[in-house]
Amino acid sequence: MKLKAFKESEKELIAIEELRAFLRIDSDVFDENLKQFLKAGISEFETRTNRILILNDYEVEFFNERVILAPFNALKNANFKAEFKTNSGVLYVSGNGNLIVNLGYEELPQDIKLWLKNYVLMAFDGASMPKISNALVSRYKVAFF
């Protein structure tokens, strides 16, 4: 599956000031590092859960595979030979084709936001994520149909 955002999102999931406050950093010296750690955390969460965090329109190309994405908001355009269904904000497609869909959270759930902040903290400190992290990821993971 190939997933591509149509435009770079201008909305920050977590403001840099909020990250600095969470990490108790008074200076903006580490801002670029924090942004990179946040970006890595978003990618990690999305990969492990099949959830897209950043609200945007995405082009999804798939060839003889299953695609599961959430939160699914709207189908904008479709050209596919596939089984297609949605259930409780989750998009399920199996086959091949091309879709343009709107995915992501209008408002990020607080537990995911906290997970991302902790990811940045652990990356900044060079530590590993605590076991509680796996429980949250498991709860948000979207399974195959």
N, C-alpha and C. Protein backbone atom coordinates (compact mmCIF):
# COMPACT_ATOMS: atom_id res chain seq x y z
N MET A 1 0.85 -1.17 0.00
CA MET A 1 0.00 0.00 0.00
C MET A 1 0.89 1.24 0.00
N LYS A 2 0.46 2.20 -0.75
CA LYS A 2 1.15 3.49 -0.79
C LYS A 2 0.17 4.55 -0.31
N LEU A 3 0.59 5.31 0.68
CA LEU A 3 -0.26 6.34 1.28
C LEU A 3 0.46 7.67 1.16
N LYS A 4 -0.20 8.65 0.51
CA LYS A 4 0.43 9.94 0.29
C LYS A 4 -0.54 11.06 0.63
N ALA A 5 -0.09 11.98 1.49
CA ALA A 5 -0.91 13.15 1.84
C ALA A 5 -0.90 14.13 0.68
N PHE A 6 -2.05 14.79 0.45
CA PHE A 6 -2.14 15.74 -0.65
C PHE A 6 -1.39 17.03 -0.37
N LYS A 7 -1.41 17.46 0.87
CA LYS A 7 -0.68 18.69 1.21
C LYS A 7 -0.11 18.53 2.61
N GLU A 8 0.94 19.26 2.87
CA GLU A 8 1.55 19.26 4.19
C GLU A 8 0.60 19.92 5.17
N SER A 9 0.31 19.25 6.25
CA SER A 9 -0.62 19.79 7.24
C SER A 9 0.03 20.94 8.00
N GLU A 10 -0.72 22.00 8.18
CA GLU A 10 -0.22 23.15 8.92
C GLU A 10 -0.54 23.04 10.41
N LYS A 11 -1.46 22.17 10.74
CA LYS A 11 -1.86 22.00 12.13
C LYS A 11 -0.87 21.10 12.87
N GLU A 12 -0.38 21.57 14.00
CA GLU A 12 0.50 20.77 14.83
C GLU A 12 -0.33 19.91 15.77
N LEU A 13 0.02 18.64 15.87
CA LEU A 13 -0.70 17.78 16.81
C LEU A 13 -0.42 18.19 18.25
N ILE A 14 0.84 18.54 18.50
CA ILE A 14 1.24 19.02 19.82
C ILE A 14 2.15 20.22 19.61
N ALA A 15 1.80 21.34 20.19
CA ALA A 15 2.61 22.55 20.04
C ALA A 15 3.97 22.35 20.69
N ILE A 16 4.99 22.95 20.10
CA ILE A 16 6.35 22.82 20.62
C ILE A 16 6.46 23.37 22.04
N GLU A 17 5.69 24.40 22.35
CA GLU A 17 5.68 24.97 23.70
C GLU A 17 5.14 23.95 24.71
N GLU A 18 4.13 23.20 24.30
CA GLU A 18 3.55 22.17 25.16
C GLU A 18 4.56 21.04 25.40
N LEU A 19 5.31 20.67 24.35
CA LEU A 19 6.35 19.65 24.51
C LEU A 19 7.45 20.14 25.45
N ARG A 20 7.87 21.40 25.26
CA ARG A 20 8.91 21.96 26.13
C ARG A 20 8.45 21.95 27.58
N ALA A 21 7.20 22.33 27.83
CA ALA A 21 6.67 22.35 29.19
C ALA A 21 6.64 20.93 29.77
N PHE A 22 6.22 19.96 28.97
CA PHE A 22 6.15 18.57 29.43
C PHE A 22 7.53 18.03 29.79
N LEU A 23 8.54 18.41 29.00
CA LEU A 23 9.90 17.94 29.24
C LEU A 23 10.67 18.85 30.20
N ARG A 24 10.04 19.93 30.63
CA ARG A 24 10.65 20.91 31.55
C ARG A 24 11.91 21.51 30.95
N ILE A 25 11.78 21.94 29.71
CA ILE A 25 12.88 22.60 29.00
C ILE A 25 12.52 24.07 28.87
N ASP A 26 13.41 24.94 29.30
CA ASP A 26 13.14 26.38 29.29
C ASP A 26 13.58 27.07 28.01
N SER A 27 14.43 26.45 27.24
CA SER A 27 15.03 27.08 26.07
C SER A 27 14.48 26.48 24.78
N ASP A 28 14.62 27.22 23.68
CA ASP A 28 14.20 26.70 22.39
C ASP A 28 15.35 26.03 21.63
N VAL A 29 16.46 25.78 22.31
CA VAL A 29 17.65 25.20 21.70
C VAL A 29 17.36 23.82 21.09
N PHE A 30 16.50 23.04 21.73
CA PHE A 30 16.25 21.66 21.29
C PHE A 30 14.98 21.53 20.45
N ASP A 31 14.38 22.64 20.01
CA ASP A 31 13.11 22.58 19.28
C ASP A 31 13.15 21.67 18.06
N GLU A 32 14.20 21.76 17.24
CA GLU A 32 14.28 20.92 16.05
C GLU A 32 14.35 19.44 16.41
N ASN A 33 15.11 19.12 17.47
CA ASN A 33 15.17 17.73 17.94
C ASN A 33 13.79 17.26 18.39
N LEU A 34 13.10 18.09 19.15
CA LEU A 34 11.77 17.72 19.64
C LEU A 34 10.80 17.50 18.48
N LYS A 35 10.87 18.34 17.46
CA LYS A 35 10.00 18.18 16.29
C LYS A 35 10.29 16.86 15.58
N GLN A 36 11.56 16.51 15.46
CA GLN A 36 11.93 15.25 14.82
C GLN A 36 11.48 14.05 15.65
N PHE A 37 11.64 14.13 16.97
CA PHE A 37 11.18 13.05 17.84
C PHE A 37 9.66 12.89 17.75
N LEU A 38 8.93 14.02 17.70
CA LEU A 38 7.47 13.96 17.57
C LEU A 38 7.08 13.32 16.24
N LYS A 39 7.74 13.71 15.18
CA LYS A 39 7.47 13.14 13.86
C LYS A 39 7.71 11.62 13.88
N ALA A 40 8.79 11.20 14.53
CA ALA A 40 9.08 9.77 14.64
C ALA A 40 8.02 9.05 15.48
N GLY A 41 7.55 9.70 16.54
CA GLY A 41 6.51 9.12 17.38
C GLY A 41 5.19 8.95 16.62
N ILE A 42 4.85 9.96 15.83
CA ILE A 42 3.63 9.88 15.01
C ILE A 42 3.74 8.71 14.05
N SER A 43 4.86 8.60 13.38
CA SER A 43 5.08 7.51 12.43
C SER A 43 5.01 6.15 13.12
N GLU A 44 5.62 6.04 14.29
CA GLU A 44 5.60 4.79 15.05
C GLU A 44 4.16 4.40 15.43
N PHE A 45 3.41 5.36 15.95
CA PHE A 45 2.03 5.07 16.36
C PHE A 45 1.18 4.68 15.15
N GLU A 46 1.31 5.41 14.06
CA GLU A 46 0.53 5.11 12.86
C GLU A 46 0.86 3.73 12.31
N THR A 47 2.13 3.37 12.29
CA THR A 47 2.56 2.07 11.78
C THR A 47 2.03 0.93 12.65
N ARG A 48 2.08 1.11 13.94
CA ARG A 48 1.68 0.04 14.86
C ARG A 48 0.18 -0.12 14.99
N THR A 49 -0.60 0.92 14.65
CA THR A 49 -2.05 0.85 14.88
C THR A 49 -2.91 0.92 13.63
N ASN A 50 -2.36 1.25 12.48
CA ASN A 50 -3.12 1.50 11.25
C ASN A 50 -4.05 2.71 11.40
N ARG A 51 -3.71 3.61 12.28
CA ARG A 51 -4.46 4.85 12.46
C ARG A 51 -3.63 6.01 11.95
N ILE A 52 -4.30 6.92 11.28
CA ILE A 52 -3.66 8.13 10.78
C ILE A 52 -4.01 9.25 11.76
N LEU A 53 -3.00 9.91 12.29
CA LEU A 53 -3.24 10.92 13.31
C LEU A 53 -3.51 12.31 12.72
N ILE A 54 -2.82 12.66 11.65
CA ILE A 54 -2.91 14.01 11.10
C ILE A 54 -4.08 14.10 10.11
N LEU A 55 -5.03 14.97 10.39
CA LEU A 55 -6.21 15.15 9.54
C LEU A 55 -5.79 15.72 8.19
N ASN A 56 -6.14 15.00 7.12
CA ASN A 56 -5.75 15.42 5.78
C ASN A 56 -6.47 14.54 4.75
N ASP A 57 -6.40 14.95 3.48
CA ASP A 57 -6.83 14.10 2.38
C ASP A 57 -5.62 13.28 1.93
N TYR A 58 -5.83 11.99 1.72
CA TYR A 58 -4.74 11.08 1.36
C TYR A 58 -5.11 10.31 0.11
N GLU A 59 -4.09 10.04 -0.71
CA GLU A 59 -4.26 9.14 -1.84
C GLU A 59 -3.74 7.78 -1.39
N VAL A 60 -4.57 6.76 -1.56
CA VAL A 60 -4.20 5.40 -1.17
C VAL A 60 -4.17 4.55 -2.43
N GLU A 61 -3.01 3.98 -2.73
CA GLU A 61 -2.86 3.05 -3.85
C GLU A 61 -2.55 1.68 -3.27
N PHE A 62 -3.25 0.65 -3.78
CA PHE A 62 -3.03 -0.69 -3.27
C PHE A 62 -3.17 -1.69 -4.40
N PHE A 63 -2.43 -2.78 -4.32
CA PHE A 63 -2.42 -3.81 -5.35
C PHE A 63 -2.46 -5.19 -4.69
N ASN A 64 -3.58 -5.86 -4.84
CA ASN A 64 -3.78 -7.20 -4.28
C ASN A 64 -3.39 -7.28 -2.81
N GLU A 65 -3.95 -6.40 -2.03
CA GLU A 65 -3.64 -6.39 -0.60
C GLU A 65 -4.83 -5.87 0.20
N ARG A 66 -4.73 -6.04 1.50
CA ARG A 66 -5.74 -5.52 2.41
C ARG A 66 -5.27 -4.17 2.94
N VAL A 67 -6.20 -3.25 3.00
CA VAL A 67 -5.91 -1.93 3.54
C VAL A 67 -6.90 -1.67 4.67
N ILE A 68 -6.35 -1.29 5.82
CA ILE A 68 -7.17 -0.95 6.97
C ILE A 68 -6.65 0.37 7.51
N LEU A 69 -7.51 1.37 7.53
CA LEU A 69 -7.10 2.69 8.00
C LEU A 69 -8.20 3.31 8.84
N ALA A 70 -7.80 4.06 9.84
CA ALA A 70 -8.75 4.77 10.69
C ALA A 70 -8.06 6.04 11.19
N PRO A 71 -8.76 6.98 11.69
CA PRO A 71 -10.20 7.17 11.55
C PRO A 71 -10.56 7.66 10.15
N PHE A 72 -11.49 6.96 9.55
CA PHE A 72 -11.97 7.27 8.20
C PHE A 72 -13.09 8.29 8.31
N ASN A 73 -12.94 9.42 7.59
CA ASN A 73 -13.94 10.48 7.64
C ASN A 73 -14.79 10.57 6.39
N ALA A 74 -14.17 10.43 5.20
CA ALA A 74 -14.93 10.58 3.96
C ALA A 74 -14.17 9.98 2.78
N LEU A 75 -14.94 9.47 1.81
CA LEU A 75 -14.38 9.00 0.55
C LEU A 75 -14.56 10.12 -0.46
N LYS A 76 -13.48 10.58 -1.06
CA LYS A 76 -13.52 11.70 -2.00
C LYS A 76 -13.58 11.22 -3.45
N ASN A 77 -12.85 10.14 -3.75
CA ASN A 77 -12.78 9.62 -5.10
C ASN A 77 -12.32 8.17 -5.02
N ALA A 78 -12.77 7.34 -5.96
CA ALA A 78 -12.38 5.93 -5.92
C ALA A 78 -12.32 5.34 -7.31
N ASN A 79 -11.33 4.49 -7.52
CA ASN A 79 -11.19 3.72 -8.74
C ASN A 79 -10.56 2.39 -8.31
N PHE A 80 -11.39 1.37 -8.13
CA PHE A 80 -10.84 0.13 -7.60
C PHE A 80 -11.68 -1.07 -8.01
N LYS A 81 -11.04 -2.24 -7.92
CA LYS A 81 -11.70 -3.53 -8.02
C LYS A 81 -11.41 -4.21 -6.70
N ALA A 82 -12.28 -3.97 -5.76
CA ALA A 82 -11.99 -4.43 -4.40
C ALA A 82 -13.26 -4.53 -3.58
N GLU A 83 -13.14 -5.26 -2.49
CA GLU A 83 -14.17 -5.28 -1.47
C GLU A 83 -13.95 -4.04 -0.62
N PHE A 84 -14.99 -3.26 -0.41
CA PHE A 84 -14.88 -1.98 0.29
C PHE A 84 -15.97 -1.89 1.34
N LYS A 85 -15.57 -1.57 2.57
CA LYS A 85 -16.58 -1.32 3.60
C LYS A 85 -16.00 -0.42 4.67
N THR A 86 -16.90 0.20 5.41
CA THR A 86 -16.50 1.01 6.55
C THR A 86 -17.34 0.56 7.74
N ASN A 87 -16.74 0.70 8.91
CA ASN A 87 -17.43 0.30 10.12
C ASN A 87 -16.84 1.09 11.28
N SER A 88 -17.64 1.86 11.96
CA SER A 88 -17.22 2.62 13.14
C SER A 88 -15.98 3.47 12.87
N GLY A 89 -15.96 4.14 11.74
CA GLY A 89 -14.85 5.04 11.43
C GLY A 89 -13.60 4.33 10.94
N VAL A 90 -13.72 3.06 10.54
CA VAL A 90 -12.58 2.31 10.03
C VAL A 90 -12.85 1.95 8.58
N LEU A 91 -11.86 2.17 7.72
CA LEU A 91 -11.94 1.83 6.30
C LEU A 91 -11.30 0.47 6.07
N TYR A 92 -12.04 -0.45 5.44
CA TYR A 92 -11.52 -1.77 5.08
C TYR A 92 -11.62 -1.92 3.57
N VAL A 93 -10.50 -2.22 2.92
CA VAL A 93 -10.50 -2.45 1.48
C VAL A 93 -9.60 -3.65 1.21
N SER A 94 -10.05 -4.53 0.32
CA SER A 94 -9.24 -5.67 -0.06
C SER A 94 -9.33 -5.83 -1.57
N GLY A 95 -8.19 -5.82 -2.24
CA GLY A 95 -8.13 -5.93 -3.69
C GLY A 95 -7.07 -5.02 -4.24
N ASN A 96 -7.42 -4.29 -5.33
CA ASN A 96 -6.47 -3.32 -5.86
C ASN A 96 -7.22 -2.10 -6.38
N GLY A 97 -6.52 -0.97 -6.37
CA GLY A 97 -7.14 0.26 -6.85
C GLY A 97 -6.49 1.50 -6.29
N ASN A 98 -7.26 2.58 -6.37
CA ASN A 98 -6.78 3.89 -5.96
C ASN A 98 -7.95 4.63 -5.31
N LEU A 99 -7.71 5.20 -4.14
CA LEU A 99 -8.74 5.95 -3.40
C LEU A 99 -8.19 7.31 -2.99
N ILE A 100 -9.07 8.25 -2.89
CA ILE A 100 -8.75 9.52 -2.25
C ILE A 100 -9.72 9.63 -1.07
N VAL A 101 -9.14 9.65 0.13
CA VAL A 101 -9.95 9.62 1.34
C VAL A 101 -9.49 10.69 2.32
N ASN A 102 -10.40 11.06 3.21
CA ASN A 102 -10.06 11.97 4.29
C ASN A 102 -9.90 11.12 5.54
N LEU A 103 -8.72 11.19 6.15
CA LEU A 103 -8.40 10.40 7.33
C LEU A 103 -7.83 11.32 8.40
N GLY A 104 -7.89 10.89 9.64
CA GLY A 104 -7.23 11.61 10.72
C GLY A 104 -8.20 12.13 11.76
N TYR A 105 -7.62 12.64 12.82
CA TYR A 105 -8.40 13.15 13.95
C TYR A 105 -8.57 14.65 13.86
N GLU A 106 -9.79 15.09 14.04
CA GLU A 106 -10.06 16.53 14.18
C GLU A 106 -9.43 17.02 15.49
N GLU A 107 -9.65 16.26 16.53
CA GLU A 107 -9.05 16.54 17.85
C GLU A 107 -8.41 15.24 18.34
N LEU A 108 -7.12 15.27 18.57
CA LEU A 108 -6.39 14.08 18.99
C LEU A 108 -6.83 13.64 20.39
N PRO A 109 -7.17 12.34 20.58
CA PRO A 109 -7.53 11.86 21.92
C PRO A 109 -6.39 12.12 22.91
N GLN A 110 -6.75 12.45 24.14
CA GLN A 110 -5.76 12.82 25.14
C GLN A 110 -4.77 11.71 25.45
N ASP A 111 -5.21 10.45 25.43
CA ASP A 111 -4.28 9.36 25.74
C ASP A 111 -3.23 9.18 24.63
N ILE A 112 -3.61 9.42 23.38
CA ILE A 112 -2.64 9.36 22.28
C ILE A 112 -1.68 10.54 22.39
N LYS A 113 -2.21 11.70 22.74
CA LYS A 113 -1.37 12.88 22.92
C LYS A 113 -0.32 12.62 24.02
N LEU A 114 -0.75 12.03 25.12
CA LEU A 114 0.17 11.70 26.20
C LEU A 114 1.19 10.66 25.76
N TRP A 115 0.76 9.68 24.97
CA TRP A 115 1.67 8.67 24.44
C TRP A 115 2.76 9.35 23.61
N LEU A 116 2.36 10.28 22.75
CA LEU A 116 3.33 10.99 21.90
C LEU A 116 4.30 11.82 22.74
N LYS A 117 3.78 12.49 23.76
CA LYS A 117 4.65 13.27 24.64
C LYS A 117 5.66 12.36 25.33
N ASN A 118 5.21 11.21 25.80
CA ASN A 118 6.12 10.26 26.45
C ASN A 118 7.13 9.69 25.46
N TYR A 119 6.71 9.49 24.22
CA TYR A 119 7.64 9.02 23.19
C TYR A 119 8.76 10.04 23.01
N VAL A 120 8.39 11.32 22.92
CA VAL A 120 9.39 12.38 22.77
C VAL A 120 10.31 12.42 23.99
N LEU A 121 9.72 12.30 25.17
CA LEU A 121 10.52 12.29 26.41
C LEU A 121 11.52 11.14 26.40
N MET A 122 11.06 9.94 26.07
CA MET A 122 11.95 8.78 26.06
C MET A 122 13.03 8.92 24.99
N ALA A 123 12.67 9.44 23.83
CA ALA A 123 13.66 9.64 22.76
C ALA A 123 14.68 10.69 23.18
N PHE A 124 14.21 11.74 23.82
CA PHE A 124 15.09 12.82 24.28
C PHE A 124 16.06 12.32 25.34
N ASP A 125 15.57 11.47 26.24
CA ASP A 125 16.40 10.93 27.31
C ASP A 125 17.20 9.69 26.89
N GLY A 126 16.87 9.13 25.72
CA GLY A 126 17.55 7.92 25.27
C GLY A 126 17.10 6.67 26.00
N ALA A 127 15.89 6.68 26.53
CA ALA A 127 15.35 5.53 27.27
C ALA A 127 14.35 4.77 26.41
N SER A 128 13.92 3.61 26.88
CA SER A 128 12.91 2.84 26.15
C SER A 128 11.52 3.14 26.71
N MET A 129 10.52 2.91 25.87
CA MET A 129 9.14 3.18 26.27
C MET A 129 8.69 2.19 27.33
N PRO A 130 7.92 2.64 28.32
CA PRO A 130 7.43 1.73 29.35
C PRO A 130 6.38 0.76 28.81
N LYS A 131 6.12 -0.30 29.56
CA LYS A 131 5.16 -1.33 29.14
C LYS A 131 3.75 -0.78 28.92
N ILE A 132 3.39 0.26 29.64
CA ILE A 132 2.06 0.87 29.46
C ILE A 132 1.85 1.31 28.02
N SER A 133 2.93 1.64 27.35
CA SER A 133 2.88 2.05 25.96
C SER A 133 2.26 0.98 25.09
N ASN A 134 2.65 -0.28 25.29
CA ASN A 134 2.12 -1.38 24.48
C ASN A 134 0.63 -1.57 24.70
N ALA A 135 0.15 -1.35 25.90
CA ALA A 135 -1.28 -1.50 26.19
C ALA A 135 -2.09 -0.47 25.42
N LEU A 136 -1.62 0.77 25.38
CA LEU A 136 -2.34 1.81 24.64
C LEU A 136 -2.34 1.51 23.14
N VAL A 137 -1.19 1.13 22.62
CA VAL A 137 -1.09 0.82 21.19
C VAL A 137 -2.02 -0.34 20.86
N SER A 138 -2.06 -1.35 21.69
CA SER A 138 -2.95 -2.50 21.46
C SER A 138 -4.42 -2.09 21.46
N ARG A 139 -4.77 -1.17 22.33
CA ARG A 139 -6.17 -0.72 22.40
C ARG A 139 -6.59 0.03 21.15
N TYR A 140 -5.68 0.78 20.54
CA TYR A 140 -6.01 1.56 19.35
C TYR A 140 -5.75 0.82 18.05
N LYS A 141 -5.10 -0.34 18.10
CA LYS A 141 -4.77 -1.07 16.89
C LYS A 141 -6.04 -1.52 16.17
N VAL A 142 -6.05 -1.32 14.86
CA VAL A 142 -7.18 -1.76 14.04
C VAL A 142 -6.76 -3.08 13.41
N ALA A 143 -7.56 -4.13 13.60
CA ALA A 143 -7.21 -5.47 13.15
C ALA A 143 -7.74 -5.73 11.75
N PHE A 144 -7.18 -6.78 11.12
CA PHE A 144 -7.61 -7.18 9.80
C PHE A 144 -9.01 -7.77 9.82
N PHE A 145 -9.69 -7.70 8.68
CA PHE A 145 -11.03 -8.26 8.59
C PHE A 145 -10.99 -9.58 7.85
